[in-house]
Structures are given as structure tokens and as C-alpha cells.
Amino acid sequence: MNGIANMNYIELVRQFVVENFLFGDGSELSEDTSFLGNGIIDSTGVLELIDYLEKEFRIAVDDEEVIPENLDSLKNIYRFLESKLAGNSQKCVA
């Protein structure tokens, strides 16, 4: 997986969000910052984020998992990835 051995999940996702949605300025982005609540990511951006997560971490994000509790902040995404990667390896995509 691209760089995962050298960076933790939250830093990889932070880098993606900063580069793709904040145009390189992540100074205001904390682990608890709500992407939707702060207008960082809209509904189309959520789809881009899901595509990134599925490709980068080789997981499948099911429709019922597309909820703010899983995807609305760096902290939520980190917990979601930990859960997916630890307990749901049978759902990983090739």
C-alpha cells in the first residue's frame, strides 16, 4: 500500500484532504474538524473521499457505512479504517 508503512492512516487522509479540498492549506484542519459542517467536503467530495479510501487502503465502503460517524472528520475516518482493516478483511477489494 502506498506509503502506509511510513505514515499512519490519519496523516495519509489529511494529506489527501489538504491537497484535494483545501488547495494545500491545512492549517485549520484538526483531527476533529467536521468536513461537512465546515464546508470542506460536499456530497461529491464524499464520493471522491470514498474512492480514495477504497483504492489507498484496499477496502470496500458499503452504502450503509457512508455516514458522518465514519467519514466526517480525520478522527472518524481513522476509527473507521482501523475497524475495516482489523476486522473486515473479507470485505477488502483486490
N, C-alpha and C. Protein backbone atom coordinates (compact mmCIF):
# COMPACT_ATOMS: atom_id res chain seq x y z
N MET A 1 0.84 -1.18 0.00
CA MET A 1 0.00 0.00 0.00
C MET A 1 0.89 1.24 0.00
N ASN A 2 0.46 2.24 -0.66
CA ASN A 2 1.25 3.43 -0.89
C ASN A 2 1.63 4.16 0.39
N GLY A 3 2.84 3.94 0.88
CA GLY A 3 3.34 4.73 1.98
C GLY A 3 2.77 4.43 3.35
N ILE A 4 1.90 3.44 3.47
CA ILE A 4 1.27 3.18 4.76
C ILE A 4 2.29 2.77 5.81
N ALA A 5 3.33 2.08 5.40
CA ALA A 5 4.34 1.68 6.37
C ALA A 5 5.04 2.89 6.96
N ASN A 6 5.11 3.99 6.22
CA ASN A 6 5.83 5.17 6.67
C ASN A 6 4.95 6.24 7.31
N MET A 7 3.64 6.18 7.11
CA MET A 7 2.74 7.20 7.63
C MET A 7 1.53 6.50 8.25
N ASN A 8 0.96 7.09 9.28
CA ASN A 8 -0.25 6.48 9.81
C ASN A 8 -1.45 6.92 8.98
N TYR A 9 -2.56 6.25 9.18
CA TYR A 9 -3.76 6.48 8.37
C TYR A 9 -4.20 7.94 8.38
N ILE A 10 -4.21 8.53 9.54
CA ILE A 10 -4.73 9.88 9.66
C ILE A 10 -3.89 10.87 8.86
N GLU A 11 -2.59 10.66 8.80
CA GLU A 11 -1.73 11.57 8.03
C GLU A 11 -1.92 11.38 6.53
N LEU A 12 -2.13 10.14 6.10
CA LEU A 12 -2.40 9.90 4.69
C LEU A 12 -3.70 10.56 4.26
N VAL A 13 -4.74 10.42 5.06
CA VAL A 13 -6.03 11.02 4.74
C VAL A 13 -5.94 12.54 4.83
N ARG A 14 -5.24 13.05 5.84
CA ARG A 14 -5.04 14.51 5.96
C ARG A 14 -4.39 15.05 4.69
N GLN A 15 -3.36 14.40 4.23
CA GLN A 15 -2.65 14.83 3.03
C GLN A 15 -3.60 14.86 1.83
N PHE A 16 -4.43 13.82 1.69
CA PHE A 16 -5.40 13.78 0.59
C PHE A 16 -6.39 14.94 0.68
N VAL A 17 -6.95 15.17 1.86
CA VAL A 17 -7.94 16.23 2.05
C VAL A 17 -7.31 17.60 1.78
N VAL A 18 -6.14 17.83 2.31
CA VAL A 18 -5.47 19.13 2.10
C VAL A 18 -5.19 19.37 0.62
N GLU A 19 -4.67 18.35 -0.06
CA GLU A 19 -4.32 18.52 -1.46
C GLU A 19 -5.54 18.66 -2.37
N ASN A 20 -6.63 17.95 -2.06
CA ASN A 20 -7.77 17.89 -2.96
C ASN A 20 -8.92 18.83 -2.61
N PHE A 21 -9.03 19.24 -1.36
CA PHE A 21 -10.17 20.06 -0.96
C PHE A 21 -9.77 21.40 -0.33
N LEU A 22 -8.57 21.49 0.19
CA LEU A 22 -8.12 22.72 0.85
C LEU A 22 -7.02 23.43 0.07
N PHE A 23 -6.73 22.95 -1.11
CA PHE A 23 -5.77 23.58 -2.01
C PHE A 23 -4.42 23.83 -1.35
N GLY A 24 -3.98 22.86 -0.55
CA GLY A 24 -2.67 22.91 0.06
C GLY A 24 -2.58 23.59 1.40
N ASP A 25 -3.67 24.20 1.88
CA ASP A 25 -3.63 24.91 3.17
C ASP A 25 -4.40 24.14 4.22
N GLY A 26 -3.70 23.32 4.98
CA GLY A 26 -4.33 22.53 6.02
C GLY A 26 -4.15 23.11 7.41
N SER A 27 -3.83 24.38 7.49
CA SER A 27 -3.52 24.99 8.79
C SER A 27 -4.70 24.96 9.76
N GLU A 28 -5.91 24.98 9.26
CA GLU A 28 -7.09 24.99 10.12
C GLU A 28 -7.71 23.60 10.31
N LEU A 29 -7.09 22.58 9.76
CA LEU A 29 -7.65 21.23 9.80
C LEU A 29 -7.12 20.45 11.00
N SER A 30 -8.01 20.19 11.96
CA SER A 30 -7.64 19.37 13.11
C SER A 30 -8.26 17.99 12.95
N GLU A 31 -7.95 17.10 13.85
CA GLU A 31 -8.49 15.74 13.77
C GLU A 31 -10.00 15.72 13.97
N ASP A 32 -10.56 16.73 14.64
CA ASP A 32 -11.99 16.78 14.92
C ASP A 32 -12.78 17.69 13.98
N THR A 33 -12.12 18.35 13.05
CA THR A 33 -12.81 19.27 12.15
C THR A 33 -13.82 18.51 11.30
N SER A 34 -15.08 18.96 11.34
CA SER A 34 -16.14 18.35 10.53
C SER A 34 -15.98 18.79 9.08
N PHE A 35 -15.81 17.84 8.19
CA PHE A 35 -15.68 18.17 6.77
C PHE A 35 -16.95 18.80 6.23
N LEU A 36 -18.09 18.21 6.55
CA LEU A 36 -19.37 18.71 6.05
C LEU A 36 -19.77 20.00 6.76
N GLY A 37 -19.65 20.02 8.07
CA GLY A 37 -20.05 21.18 8.85
C GLY A 37 -19.25 22.44 8.54
N ASN A 38 -18.02 22.26 8.09
CA ASN A 38 -17.16 23.41 7.77
C ASN A 38 -17.06 23.65 6.27
N GLY A 39 -17.86 22.96 5.49
CA GLY A 39 -17.86 23.17 4.05
C GLY A 39 -16.59 22.74 3.34
N ILE A 40 -15.83 21.85 3.95
CA ILE A 40 -14.59 21.37 3.34
C ILE A 40 -14.89 20.38 2.22
N ILE A 41 -15.85 19.50 2.47
CA ILE A 41 -16.24 18.47 1.52
C ILE A 41 -17.75 18.52 1.35
N ASP A 42 -18.20 18.49 0.09
CA ASP A 42 -19.63 18.41 -0.19
C ASP A 42 -19.97 16.96 -0.59
N SER A 43 -21.19 16.74 -1.06
CA SER A 43 -21.60 15.37 -1.37
C SER A 43 -20.74 14.74 -2.47
N THR A 44 -20.34 15.51 -3.44
CA THR A 44 -19.45 15.00 -4.48
C THR A 44 -18.07 14.68 -3.89
N GLY A 45 -17.62 15.53 -2.99
CA GLY A 45 -16.34 15.29 -2.32
C GLY A 45 -16.35 14.03 -1.48
N VAL A 46 -17.49 13.71 -0.89
CA VAL A 46 -17.61 12.46 -0.12
C VAL A 46 -17.35 11.27 -1.04
N LEU A 47 -17.89 11.33 -2.25
CA LEU A 47 -17.65 10.25 -3.21
C LEU A 47 -16.17 10.15 -3.59
N GLU A 48 -15.52 11.29 -3.76
CA GLU A 48 -14.09 11.31 -4.05
C GLU A 48 -13.29 10.72 -2.88
N LEU A 49 -13.69 11.09 -1.67
CA LEU A 49 -13.03 10.58 -0.47
C LEU A 49 -13.18 9.06 -0.37
N ILE A 50 -14.38 8.57 -0.62
CA ILE A 50 -14.62 7.13 -0.57
C ILE A 50 -13.77 6.42 -1.62
N ASP A 51 -13.72 6.96 -2.83
CA ASP A 51 -12.90 6.37 -3.88
C ASP A 51 -11.44 6.29 -3.45
N TYR A 52 -10.95 7.38 -2.85
CA TYR A 52 -9.57 7.40 -2.35
C TYR A 52 -9.36 6.32 -1.28
N LEU A 53 -10.26 6.25 -0.30
CA LEU A 53 -10.10 5.28 0.78
C LEU A 53 -10.11 3.85 0.25
N GLU A 54 -11.00 3.58 -0.69
CA GLU A 54 -11.08 2.23 -1.24
C GLU A 54 -9.81 1.86 -1.99
N LYS A 55 -9.27 2.78 -2.74
CA LYS A 55 -8.05 2.50 -3.50
C LYS A 55 -6.81 2.47 -2.62
N GLU A 56 -6.66 3.47 -1.77
CA GLU A 56 -5.45 3.58 -0.95
C GLU A 56 -5.33 2.47 0.08
N PHE A 57 -6.46 2.11 0.71
CA PHE A 57 -6.43 1.15 1.80
C PHE A 57 -6.99 -0.21 1.42
N ARG A 58 -7.37 -0.34 0.13
CA ARG A 58 -7.87 -1.61 -0.40
C ARG A 58 -9.03 -2.16 0.43
N ILE A 59 -10.02 -1.31 0.63
CA ILE A 59 -11.22 -1.69 1.36
C ILE A 59 -12.44 -1.44 0.46
N ALA A 60 -13.57 -1.98 0.86
CA ALA A 60 -14.84 -1.67 0.21
C ALA A 60 -15.69 -0.93 1.23
N VAL A 61 -16.19 0.24 0.85
CA VAL A 61 -17.06 1.01 1.71
C VAL A 61 -18.50 0.73 1.27
N ASP A 62 -19.24 0.07 2.13
CA ASP A 62 -20.63 -0.26 1.84
C ASP A 62 -21.51 0.98 1.97
N ASP A 63 -22.63 0.98 1.26
CA ASP A 63 -23.54 2.12 1.28
C ASP A 63 -23.95 2.51 2.70
N GLU A 64 -24.24 1.52 3.54
CA GLU A 64 -24.68 1.82 4.91
C GLU A 64 -23.56 2.37 5.79
N GLU A 65 -22.33 2.30 5.31
CA GLU A 65 -21.19 2.85 6.05
C GLU A 65 -20.92 4.32 5.71
N VAL A 66 -21.61 4.85 4.71
CA VAL A 66 -21.42 6.23 4.28
C VAL A 66 -22.26 7.13 5.18
N ILE A 67 -21.75 7.34 6.39
CA ILE A 67 -22.41 8.16 7.40
C ILE A 67 -21.37 9.07 8.05
N PRO A 68 -21.80 10.20 8.60
CA PRO A 68 -20.83 11.12 9.23
C PRO A 68 -19.99 10.47 10.32
N GLU A 69 -20.56 9.53 11.05
CA GLU A 69 -19.81 8.87 12.12
C GLU A 69 -18.57 8.15 11.59
N ASN A 70 -18.56 7.83 10.29
CA ASN A 70 -17.41 7.16 9.69
C ASN A 70 -16.52 8.07 8.86
N LEU A 71 -17.08 9.14 8.28
CA LEU A 71 -16.36 9.87 7.24
C LEU A 71 -16.29 11.38 7.40
N ASP A 72 -16.78 11.95 8.49
CA ASP A 72 -16.89 13.40 8.58
C ASP A 72 -15.72 14.11 9.24
N SER A 73 -14.70 13.41 9.64
CA SER A 73 -13.51 14.05 10.21
C SER A 73 -12.35 13.08 10.10
N LEU A 74 -11.15 13.59 10.29
CA LEU A 74 -9.98 12.72 10.26
C LEU A 74 -10.07 11.65 11.35
N LYS A 75 -10.52 12.05 12.54
CA LYS A 75 -10.64 11.10 13.65
C LYS A 75 -11.65 10.00 13.32
N ASN A 76 -12.79 10.38 12.75
CA ASN A 76 -13.80 9.38 12.40
C ASN A 76 -13.28 8.43 11.33
N ILE A 77 -12.59 8.96 10.34
CA ILE A 77 -12.04 8.11 9.28
C ILE A 77 -10.99 7.17 9.85
N TYR A 78 -10.17 7.66 10.75
CA TYR A 78 -9.15 6.80 11.37
C TYR A 78 -9.81 5.61 12.08
N ARG A 79 -10.83 5.89 12.89
CA ARG A 79 -11.53 4.80 13.59
C ARG A 79 -12.18 3.84 12.60
N PHE A 80 -12.78 4.40 11.55
CA PHE A 80 -13.42 3.58 10.53
C PHE A 80 -12.39 2.68 9.85
N LEU A 81 -11.26 3.23 9.46
CA LEU A 81 -10.22 2.44 8.81
C LEU A 81 -9.66 1.36 9.73
N GLU A 82 -9.44 1.72 10.98
CA GLU A 82 -8.95 0.72 11.95
C GLU A 82 -9.92 -0.46 12.03
N SER A 83 -11.21 -0.15 12.08
CA SER A 83 -12.22 -1.19 12.16
C SER A 83 -12.24 -2.04 10.88
N LYS A 84 -12.24 -1.38 9.73
CA LYS A 84 -12.29 -2.10 8.45
C LYS A 84 -11.06 -2.97 8.26
N LEU A 85 -9.90 -2.43 8.55
CA LEU A 85 -8.67 -3.16 8.30
C LEU A 85 -8.42 -4.27 9.32
N ALA A 86 -8.91 -4.10 10.53
CA ALA A 86 -8.70 -5.10 11.58
C ALA A 86 -9.71 -6.24 11.52
N GLY A 87 -10.98 -5.88 11.29
CA GLY A 87 -12.00 -6.91 11.44
C GLY A 87 -12.73 -7.32 10.21
N ASN A 88 -12.52 -6.64 9.11
CA ASN A 88 -13.32 -6.95 7.94
C ASN A 88 -12.47 -7.26 6.72
N SER A 89 -11.40 -8.02 6.91
CA SER A 89 -10.51 -8.30 5.80
C SER A 89 -11.22 -9.04 4.68
N GLN A 90 -12.31 -9.76 4.99
CA GLN A 90 -13.03 -10.46 3.94
C GLN A 90 -13.73 -9.48 2.99
N LYS A 91 -13.90 -8.23 3.37
CA LYS A 91 -14.55 -7.26 2.51
C LYS A 91 -13.55 -6.43 1.71
N CYS A 92 -12.29 -6.65 1.92
CA CYS A 92 -11.26 -5.89 1.18
C CYS A 92 -11.34 -6.24 -0.29
N VAL A 93 -11.06 -5.26 -1.14
CA VAL A 93 -11.06 -5.49 -2.58
C VAL A 93 -9.64 -5.69 -3.05
N ALA A 94 -9.51 -6.41 -4.15
CA ALA A 94 -8.18 -6.71 -4.67
C ALA A 94 -7.57 -5.52 -5.37
